[in-house]
Amino acid sequence: MSGILATVISGIVLGTLMRRSPMSALAGEVEDLWDVIAFALTSLVSLLIGFAIALAALGSAVVGIIVGTIAAIVARGFIVYVPALVTRLMWRTRALPSGWDHVVFWSGLRGAIALAAALSLPADFPQRDLLQEISLGIVLLTLVAQGATAGFVVRRALPQNA
């Protein structure tokens, strides 16, 4: 009934079929094209953010940034660990190899979508600038902190022989 869901499901089905077909090389080229498009759009959003929000303004939103970052990390933990636990309890097996759930949890970086949503708020929205600053601060903090430590988490969480 939803055009968006129909598009997503069609993309998943066609992508799966293309990978299994003799034209799988074409599927790889299409995937590379989408990677380039995603990079270009993310760069454009980053450029727009630079025009809209001054880094110096983040100092006034430190408390909101810290609280928002903690909330985002806790929510990510809930989203990753609760289904993993339920899966283990229901099927008495690990859905993921040991340590992978930690990697999935820690690699949940927030990015362009949250910033684009904050930037799209109407100009008369109450405390719009503060929400944009908090969004940018959370993205920067998680990208720097989680991005810089992701290699450490992967090395510690995954078995050495994997």
N, C-alpha and C. Protein backbone atom coordinates (compact mmCIF):
# COMPACT_ATOMS: atom_id res chain seq x y z
N MET A 1 0.81 -1.20 0.00
CA MET A 1 0.00 0.00 0.00
C MET A 1 0.86 1.27 0.00
N SER A 2 2.12 1.16 0.37
CA SER A 2 2.99 2.32 0.43
C SER A 2 3.94 2.31 -0.76
N GLY A 3 4.02 3.42 -1.46
CA GLY A 3 4.94 3.54 -2.58
C GLY A 3 6.39 3.45 -2.15
N ILE A 4 6.68 4.01 -0.99
CA ILE A 4 8.06 3.97 -0.48
C ILE A 4 8.45 2.53 -0.15
N LEU A 5 7.59 1.81 0.56
CA LEU A 5 7.91 0.42 0.89
C LEU A 5 8.00 -0.45 -0.36
N ALA A 6 7.14 -0.20 -1.33
CA ALA A 6 7.20 -0.96 -2.59
C ALA A 6 8.52 -0.71 -3.30
N THR A 7 9.00 0.53 -3.27
CA THR A 7 10.28 0.85 -3.90
C THR A 7 11.43 0.17 -3.18
N VAL A 8 11.42 0.20 -1.87
CA VAL A 8 12.48 -0.44 -1.09
C VAL A 8 12.49 -1.94 -1.34
N ILE A 9 11.34 -2.57 -1.28
CA ILE A 9 11.25 -4.02 -1.49
C ILE A 9 11.68 -4.38 -2.92
N SER A 10 11.26 -3.58 -3.90
CA SER A 10 11.67 -3.83 -5.29
C SER A 10 13.18 -3.73 -5.42
N GLY A 11 13.77 -2.74 -4.79
CA GLY A 11 15.23 -2.58 -4.84
C GLY A 11 15.95 -3.76 -4.22
N ILE A 12 15.44 -4.25 -3.10
CA ILE A 12 16.06 -5.40 -2.44
C ILE A 12 15.95 -6.65 -3.32
N VAL A 13 14.76 -6.88 -3.86
CA VAL A 13 14.56 -8.06 -4.71
C VAL A 13 15.42 -7.98 -5.97
N LEU A 14 15.40 -6.84 -6.66
CA LEU A 14 16.19 -6.71 -7.89
C LEU A 14 17.69 -6.78 -7.60
N GLY A 15 18.12 -6.17 -6.50
CA GLY A 15 19.54 -6.24 -6.15
C GLY A 15 19.99 -7.65 -5.86
N THR A 16 19.14 -8.42 -5.18
CA THR A 16 19.46 -9.82 -4.89
C THR A 16 19.51 -10.63 -6.17
N LEU A 17 18.54 -10.44 -7.05
CA LEU A 17 18.52 -11.17 -8.31
C LEU A 17 19.71 -10.80 -9.20
N MET A 18 20.09 -9.53 -9.21
CA MET A 18 21.22 -9.12 -10.04
C MET A 18 22.53 -9.72 -9.56
N ARG A 19 22.68 -9.87 -8.25
CA ARG A 19 23.91 -10.46 -7.73
C ARG A 19 24.02 -11.93 -8.08
N ARG A 20 22.90 -12.59 -8.27
CA ARG A 20 22.89 -14.02 -8.59
C ARG A 20 22.95 -14.29 -10.09
N SER A 21 22.79 -13.25 -10.89
CA SER A 21 22.73 -13.44 -12.34
C SER A 21 24.11 -13.31 -12.97
N PRO A 22 24.22 -13.70 -14.23
CA PRO A 22 25.50 -13.52 -14.94
C PRO A 22 25.90 -12.06 -15.06
N MET A 23 24.96 -11.16 -14.84
CA MET A 23 25.26 -9.74 -14.94
C MET A 23 25.74 -9.16 -13.60
N SER A 24 26.29 -10.00 -12.73
CA SER A 24 26.69 -9.52 -11.40
C SER A 24 27.79 -8.47 -11.48
N ALA A 25 28.59 -8.47 -12.56
CA ALA A 25 29.60 -7.42 -12.73
C ALA A 25 28.91 -6.07 -12.91
N LEU A 26 27.80 -6.06 -13.63
CA LEU A 26 27.03 -4.83 -13.79
C LEU A 26 26.48 -4.37 -12.46
N ALA A 27 26.03 -5.32 -11.64
CA ALA A 27 25.51 -4.96 -10.31
C ALA A 27 26.60 -4.28 -9.49
N GLY A 28 27.83 -4.77 -9.60
CA GLY A 28 28.94 -4.15 -8.88
C GLY A 28 29.19 -2.73 -9.36
N GLU A 29 29.07 -2.51 -10.68
CA GLU A 29 29.26 -1.17 -11.23
C GLU A 29 28.14 -0.23 -10.77
N VAL A 30 26.92 -0.74 -10.74
CA VAL A 30 25.79 0.07 -10.27
C VAL A 30 25.98 0.42 -8.80
N GLU A 31 26.44 -0.53 -8.01
CA GLU A 31 26.69 -0.27 -6.59
C GLU A 31 27.78 0.78 -6.43
N ASP A 32 28.83 0.71 -7.25
CA ASP A 32 29.88 1.73 -7.21
C ASP A 32 29.33 3.10 -7.56
N LEU A 33 28.44 3.15 -8.55
CA LEU A 33 27.82 4.42 -8.93
C LEU A 33 27.03 5.00 -7.76
N TRP A 34 26.26 4.16 -7.07
CA TRP A 34 25.48 4.64 -5.93
C TRP A 34 26.39 5.09 -4.80
N ASP A 35 27.54 4.44 -4.62
CA ASP A 35 28.49 4.89 -3.61
C ASP A 35 29.00 6.29 -3.92
N VAL A 36 29.28 6.56 -5.19
CA VAL A 36 29.75 7.89 -5.59
C VAL A 36 28.64 8.92 -5.38
N ILE A 37 27.41 8.56 -5.76
CA ILE A 37 26.29 9.49 -5.57
C ILE A 37 26.08 9.77 -4.08
N ALA A 38 26.15 8.74 -3.25
CA ALA A 38 25.99 8.93 -1.80
C ALA A 38 27.09 9.82 -1.25
N PHE A 39 28.32 9.62 -1.71
CA PHE A 39 29.43 10.46 -1.27
C PHE A 39 29.20 11.92 -1.67
N ALA A 40 28.75 12.14 -2.90
CA ALA A 40 28.51 13.50 -3.38
C ALA A 40 27.40 14.18 -2.58
N LEU A 41 26.32 13.44 -2.31
CA LEU A 41 25.22 14.03 -1.54
C LEU A 41 25.62 14.30 -0.10
N THR A 42 26.39 13.40 0.50
CA THR A 42 26.87 13.62 1.87
C THR A 42 27.78 14.84 1.91
N SER A 43 28.62 14.99 0.90
CA SER A 43 29.50 16.16 0.82
C SER A 43 28.69 17.44 0.69
N LEU A 44 27.64 17.39 -0.12
CA LEU A 44 26.77 18.55 -0.29
C LEU A 44 26.09 18.93 1.03
N VAL A 45 25.59 17.93 1.74
CA VAL A 45 24.97 18.20 3.04
C VAL A 45 25.99 18.80 3.99
N SER A 46 27.20 18.28 4.00
CA SER A 46 28.25 18.82 4.87
C SER A 46 28.56 20.27 4.52
N LEU A 47 28.59 20.58 3.24
CA LEU A 47 28.82 21.95 2.80
C LEU A 47 27.69 22.86 3.27
N LEU A 48 26.45 22.41 3.13
CA LEU A 48 25.30 23.20 3.58
C LEU A 48 25.34 23.40 5.09
N ILE A 49 25.78 22.39 5.82
CA ILE A 49 25.90 22.52 7.27
C ILE A 49 26.92 23.60 7.61
N GLY A 50 28.03 23.60 6.88
CA GLY A 50 29.05 24.61 7.10
C GLY A 50 28.53 26.02 6.88
N PHE A 51 27.63 26.18 5.92
CA PHE A 51 27.03 27.49 5.68
C PHE A 51 26.02 27.85 6.75
N ALA A 52 25.35 26.86 7.32
CA ALA A 52 24.23 27.13 8.24
C ALA A 52 24.64 27.23 9.70
N ILE A 53 25.66 26.51 10.12
CA ILE A 53 26.00 26.45 11.54
C ILE A 53 27.48 26.80 11.72
N ALA A 54 27.74 27.71 12.63
CA ALA A 54 29.12 28.07 12.95
C ALA A 54 29.63 27.17 14.08
N LEU A 55 30.84 26.64 13.92
CA LEU A 55 31.40 25.76 14.96
C LEU A 55 31.54 26.48 16.30
N ALA A 56 31.78 27.79 16.27
CA ALA A 56 31.93 28.55 17.50
C ALA A 56 30.63 28.54 18.32
N ALA A 57 29.50 28.37 17.66
CA ALA A 57 28.21 28.37 18.34
C ALA A 57 27.98 27.10 19.14
N LEU A 58 28.77 26.05 18.90
CA LEU A 58 28.56 24.78 19.60
C LEU A 58 28.82 24.91 21.11
N GLY A 59 29.61 25.88 21.52
CA GLY A 59 29.91 26.06 22.95
C GLY A 59 28.67 26.32 23.78
N SER A 60 27.67 26.97 23.20
CA SER A 60 26.44 27.26 23.96
C SER A 60 25.53 26.05 24.08
N ALA A 61 25.85 24.98 23.35
CA ALA A 61 24.98 23.80 23.36
C ALA A 61 25.66 22.58 23.94
N VAL A 62 26.71 22.77 24.75
CA VAL A 62 27.50 21.65 25.26
C VAL A 62 26.65 20.67 26.07
N VAL A 63 25.82 21.17 26.95
CA VAL A 63 25.00 20.28 27.78
C VAL A 63 24.05 19.45 26.90
N GLY A 64 23.40 20.10 25.96
CA GLY A 64 22.51 19.39 25.05
C GLY A 64 23.25 18.36 24.21
N ILE A 65 24.45 18.69 23.79
CA ILE A 65 25.25 17.76 22.99
C ILE A 65 25.62 16.53 23.81
N ILE A 66 26.05 16.74 25.04
CA ILE A 66 26.43 15.61 25.90
C ILE A 66 25.22 14.73 26.21
N VAL A 67 24.12 15.34 26.60
CA VAL A 67 22.90 14.58 26.92
C VAL A 67 22.39 13.85 25.68
N GLY A 68 22.38 14.54 24.53
CA GLY A 68 21.93 13.91 23.29
C GLY A 68 22.82 12.76 22.85
N THR A 69 24.12 12.91 23.03
CA THR A 69 25.05 11.84 22.67
C THR A 69 24.83 10.63 23.55
N ILE A 70 24.70 10.84 24.84
CA ILE A 70 24.44 9.73 25.76
C ILE A 70 23.13 9.05 25.40
N ALA A 71 22.09 9.84 25.12
CA ALA A 71 20.79 9.26 24.75
C ALA A 71 20.90 8.47 23.45
N ALA A 72 21.64 8.97 22.47
CA ALA A 72 21.79 8.26 21.20
C ALA A 72 22.54 6.94 21.40
N ILE A 73 23.57 6.95 22.23
CA ILE A 73 24.35 5.73 22.48
C ILE A 73 23.51 4.71 23.25
N VAL A 74 22.76 5.16 24.24
CA VAL A 74 21.90 4.25 25.00
C VAL A 74 20.81 3.66 24.09
N ALA A 75 20.21 4.51 23.25
CA ALA A 75 19.18 4.02 22.33
C ALA A 75 19.77 3.02 21.35
N ARG A 76 20.96 3.29 20.86
CA ARG A 76 21.62 2.36 19.94
C ARG A 76 21.88 1.02 20.64
N GLY A 77 22.33 1.08 21.89
CA GLY A 77 22.55 -0.15 22.66
C GLY A 77 21.27 -0.95 22.81
N PHE A 78 20.18 -0.27 23.09
CA PHE A 78 18.89 -0.94 23.23
C PHE A 78 18.48 -1.60 21.92
N ILE A 79 18.67 -0.88 20.81
CA ILE A 79 18.27 -1.38 19.50
C ILE A 79 19.11 -2.57 19.07
N VAL A 80 20.37 -2.62 19.49
CA VAL A 80 21.26 -3.71 19.08
C VAL A 80 21.19 -4.89 20.05
N TYR A 81 21.32 -4.63 21.35
CA TYR A 81 21.47 -5.72 22.31
C TYR A 81 20.17 -6.44 22.66
N VAL A 82 19.06 -5.73 22.71
CA VAL A 82 17.79 -6.38 23.06
C VAL A 82 17.36 -7.40 21.99
N PRO A 83 17.36 -7.05 20.70
CA PRO A 83 17.03 -8.08 19.70
C PRO A 83 18.03 -9.24 19.69
N ALA A 84 19.30 -8.95 19.93
CA ALA A 84 20.30 -10.04 19.97
C ALA A 84 20.00 -10.98 21.14
N LEU A 85 19.63 -10.42 22.28
CA LEU A 85 19.30 -11.23 23.45
C LEU A 85 18.03 -12.05 23.19
N VAL A 86 17.01 -11.42 22.64
CA VAL A 86 15.75 -12.12 22.35
C VAL A 86 16.00 -13.25 21.36
N THR A 87 16.81 -12.99 20.35
CA THR A 87 17.13 -14.03 19.36
C THR A 87 17.84 -15.20 20.02
N ARG A 88 18.80 -14.90 20.88
CA ARG A 88 19.53 -15.98 21.57
C ARG A 88 18.61 -16.79 22.46
N LEU A 89 17.69 -16.12 23.14
CA LEU A 89 16.78 -16.82 24.05
C LEU A 89 15.74 -17.64 23.29
N MET A 90 15.24 -17.11 22.18
CA MET A 90 14.20 -17.82 21.44
C MET A 90 14.74 -19.05 20.72
N TRP A 91 15.91 -18.91 20.11
CA TRP A 91 16.44 -20.01 19.31
C TRP A 91 17.61 -20.71 20.00
N ARG A 92 17.93 -20.28 21.20
CA ARG A 92 19.02 -20.85 21.98
C ARG A 92 20.31 -20.95 21.17
N THR A 93 20.55 -19.89 20.42
CA THR A 93 21.76 -19.81 19.61
C THR A 93 22.16 -18.35 19.48
N ARG A 94 23.37 -18.12 19.09
CA ARG A 94 23.82 -16.75 18.83
C ARG A 94 23.53 -16.42 17.37
N ALA A 95 22.76 -15.38 17.14
CA ALA A 95 22.47 -14.97 15.77
C ALA A 95 23.73 -14.43 15.10
N LEU A 96 24.57 -13.80 15.86
CA LEU A 96 25.83 -13.27 15.37
C LEU A 96 26.97 -13.96 16.10
N PRO A 97 28.10 -14.12 15.45
CA PRO A 97 29.25 -14.66 16.17
C PRO A 97 29.62 -13.77 17.35
N SER A 98 30.27 -14.35 18.32
CA SER A 98 30.63 -13.64 19.54
C SER A 98 31.37 -12.34 19.22
N GLY A 99 30.93 -11.26 19.77
CA GLY A 99 31.58 -9.97 19.61
C GLY A 99 31.00 -9.09 18.51
N TRP A 100 30.30 -9.67 17.56
CA TRP A 100 29.78 -8.87 16.46
C TRP A 100 28.74 -7.86 16.91
N ASP A 101 27.94 -8.23 17.92
CA ASP A 101 26.94 -7.27 18.39
C ASP A 101 27.60 -6.03 18.97
N HIS A 102 28.78 -6.19 19.58
CA HIS A 102 29.51 -5.02 20.10
C HIS A 102 29.97 -4.13 18.95
N VAL A 103 30.43 -4.75 17.88
CA VAL A 103 30.88 -3.98 16.72
C VAL A 103 29.69 -3.26 16.08
N VAL A 104 28.57 -3.95 15.94
CA VAL A 104 27.37 -3.32 15.36
C VAL A 104 26.93 -2.15 16.25
N PHE A 105 26.97 -2.34 17.56
CA PHE A 105 26.60 -1.27 18.48
C PHE A 105 27.53 -0.06 18.33
N TRP A 106 28.82 -0.29 18.33
CA TRP A 106 29.77 0.83 18.35
C TRP A 106 29.89 1.50 16.99
N SER A 107 29.54 0.80 15.93
CA SER A 107 29.68 1.41 14.61
C SER A 107 28.43 2.18 14.19
N GLY A 108 27.51 2.39 15.09
CA GLY A 108 26.29 3.13 14.76
C GLY A 108 26.52 4.62 14.78
N LEU A 109 27.28 5.11 13.82
CA LEU A 109 27.58 6.53 13.76
C LEU A 109 26.38 7.30 13.22
N ARG A 110 26.12 8.44 13.79
CA ARG A 110 25.04 9.29 13.32
C ARG A 110 25.61 10.27 12.31
N GLY A 111 24.85 10.64 11.27
CA GLY A 111 25.43 11.47 10.24
C GLY A 111 24.48 12.40 9.55
N ALA A 112 24.54 12.38 8.24
CA ALA A 112 23.91 13.40 7.41
C ALA A 112 22.40 13.46 7.55
N ILE A 113 21.75 12.35 7.82
CA ILE A 113 20.28 12.36 7.88
C ILE A 113 19.79 13.21 9.06
N ALA A 114 20.41 13.05 10.22
CA ALA A 114 20.02 13.84 11.39
C ALA A 114 20.28 15.32 11.15
N LEU A 115 21.40 15.63 10.52
CA LEU A 115 21.70 17.03 10.25
C LEU A 115 20.77 17.61 9.20
N ALA A 116 20.47 16.84 8.18
CA ALA A 116 19.55 17.32 7.16
C ALA A 116 18.16 17.58 7.77
N ALA A 117 17.74 16.71 8.68
CA ALA A 117 16.45 16.92 9.35
C ALA A 117 16.47 18.19 10.18
N ALA A 118 17.57 18.42 10.90
CA ALA A 118 17.67 19.63 11.72
C ALA A 118 17.72 20.88 10.85
N LEU A 119 18.43 20.80 9.74
CA LEU A 119 18.51 21.96 8.85
C LEU A 119 17.20 22.25 8.13
N SER A 120 16.35 21.25 8.00
CA SER A 120 15.09 21.45 7.27
C SER A 120 13.98 22.02 8.14
N LEU A 121 14.27 22.25 9.42
CA LEU A 121 13.24 22.84 10.29
C LEU A 121 12.88 24.23 9.78
N PRO A 122 11.60 24.61 9.86
CA PRO A 122 11.20 25.94 9.40
C PRO A 122 11.90 27.04 10.20
N ALA A 123 12.09 28.18 9.58
CA ALA A 123 12.82 29.29 10.22
C ALA A 123 12.14 29.77 11.50
N ASP A 124 10.82 29.63 11.61
CA ASP A 124 10.12 30.10 12.81
C ASP A 124 9.97 29.01 13.88
N PHE A 125 10.63 27.87 13.69
CA PHE A 125 10.58 26.78 14.67
C PHE A 125 11.26 27.23 15.96
N PRO A 126 10.63 26.99 17.13
CA PRO A 126 11.23 27.43 18.38
C PRO A 126 12.59 26.77 18.63
N GLN A 127 13.57 27.57 18.93
CA GLN A 127 14.94 27.16 19.25
C GLN A 127 15.56 26.32 18.13
N ARG A 128 15.26 26.69 16.91
CA ARG A 128 15.78 25.99 15.73
C ARG A 128 17.30 25.97 15.72
N ASP A 129 17.93 27.11 15.99
CA ASP A 129 19.39 27.19 15.97
C ASP A 129 20.02 26.27 17.00
N LEU A 130 19.42 26.21 18.20
CA LEU A 130 19.94 25.33 19.25
C LEU A 130 19.83 23.87 18.83
N LEU A 131 18.70 23.48 18.24
CA LEU A 131 18.54 22.10 17.78
C LEU A 131 19.55 21.75 16.69
N GLN A 132 19.83 22.68 15.81
CA GLN A 132 20.82 22.44 14.77
C GLN A 132 22.21 22.30 15.37
N GLU A 133 22.53 23.13 16.34
CA GLU A 133 23.84 23.06 17.00
C GLU A 133 23.99 21.75 17.76
N ILE A 134 22.95 21.33 18.45
CA ILE A 134 23.00 20.06 19.19
C ILE A 134 23.17 18.89 18.21
N SER A 135 22.42 18.92 17.10
CA SER A 135 22.54 17.85 16.11
C SER A 135 23.96 17.77 15.55
N LEU A 136 24.51 18.91 15.18
CA LEU A 136 25.88 18.93 14.65
C LEU A 136 26.87 18.45 15.71
N GLY A 137 26.68 18.89 16.95
CA GLY A 137 27.59 18.47 18.03
C GLY A 137 27.55 16.97 18.26
N ILE A 138 26.36 16.38 18.25
CA ILE A 138 26.23 14.93 18.45
C ILE A 138 26.92 14.19 17.30
N VAL A 139 26.69 14.65 16.08
CA VAL A 139 27.31 14.00 14.93
C VAL A 139 28.83 14.11 15.01
N LEU A 140 29.34 15.29 15.31
CA LEU A 140 30.79 15.45 15.41
C LEU A 140 31.38 14.60 16.53
N LEU A 141 30.73 14.60 17.69
CA LEU A 141 31.24 13.84 18.83
C LEU A 141 31.23 12.34 18.55
N THR A 142 30.16 11.84 17.98
CA THR A 142 30.11 10.41 17.71
C THR A 142 31.05 10.03 16.57
N LEU A 143 31.17 10.88 15.57
CA LEU A 143 32.10 10.57 14.48
C LEU A 143 33.53 10.54 14.97
N VAL A 144 33.89 11.51 15.78
CA VAL A 144 35.28 11.57 16.26
C VAL A 144 35.53 10.47 17.30
N ALA A 145 34.68 10.40 18.32
CA ALA A 145 34.93 9.43 19.40
C ALA A 145 34.73 7.99 18.93
N GLN A 146 33.59 7.71 18.35
CA GLN A 146 33.32 6.34 17.93
C GLN A 146 34.14 5.97 16.69
N GLY A 147 34.30 6.90 15.79
CA GLY A 147 35.09 6.62 14.59
C GLY A 147 36.55 6.35 14.92
N ALA A 148 37.10 7.11 15.84
CA ALA A 148 38.51 6.94 16.20
C ALA A 148 38.75 5.65 16.99
N THR A 149 37.74 5.17 17.68
CA THR A 149 37.92 3.97 18.51
C THR A 149 37.33 2.71 17.88
N ALA A 150 36.77 2.82 16.69
CA ALA A 150 36.13 1.66 16.05
C ALA A 150 37.12 0.53 15.81
N GLY A 151 38.32 0.85 15.38
CA GLY A 151 39.32 -0.19 15.15
C GLY A 151 39.65 -0.95 16.41
N PHE A 152 39.76 -0.24 17.52
CA PHE A 152 40.03 -0.87 18.81
C PHE A 152 38.89 -1.81 19.19
N VAL A 153 37.65 -1.35 19.02
CA VAL A 153 36.48 -2.17 19.37
C VAL A 153 36.45 -3.43 18.49
N VAL A 154 36.73 -3.28 17.21
CA VAL A 154 36.73 -4.44 16.31
C VAL A 154 37.80 -5.43 16.73
N ARG A 155 39.01 -4.95 17.00
CA ARG A 155 40.10 -5.85 17.40
C ARG A 155 39.79 -6.57 18.72
N ARG A 156 39.15 -5.88 19.66
CA ARG A 156 38.84 -6.49 20.95
C ARG A 156 37.62 -7.41 20.90
N ALA A 157 36.66 -7.10 20.04
CA ALA A 157 35.39 -7.85 20.05
C ALA A 157 35.42 -9.11 19.19
N LEU A 158 36.21 -9.10 18.14
CA LEU A 158 36.21 -10.23 17.24
C LEU A 158 37.34 -11.20 17.59
N PRO A 159 37.09 -12.47 17.41
CA PRO A 159 38.15 -13.46 17.71
C PRO A 159 39.37 -13.24 16.81
N GLN A 160 40.53 -13.56 17.31
CA GLN A 160 41.77 -13.32 16.57
C GLN A 160 41.88 -14.17 15.30
N ASN A 161 41.24 -15.32 15.28
CA ASN A 161 41.34 -16.18 14.10
C ASN A 161 40.29 -15.91 13.05
N ALA A 162 39.44 -14.89 13.28
CA ALA A 162 38.38 -14.59 12.30
C ALA A 162 38.89 -13.70 11.20
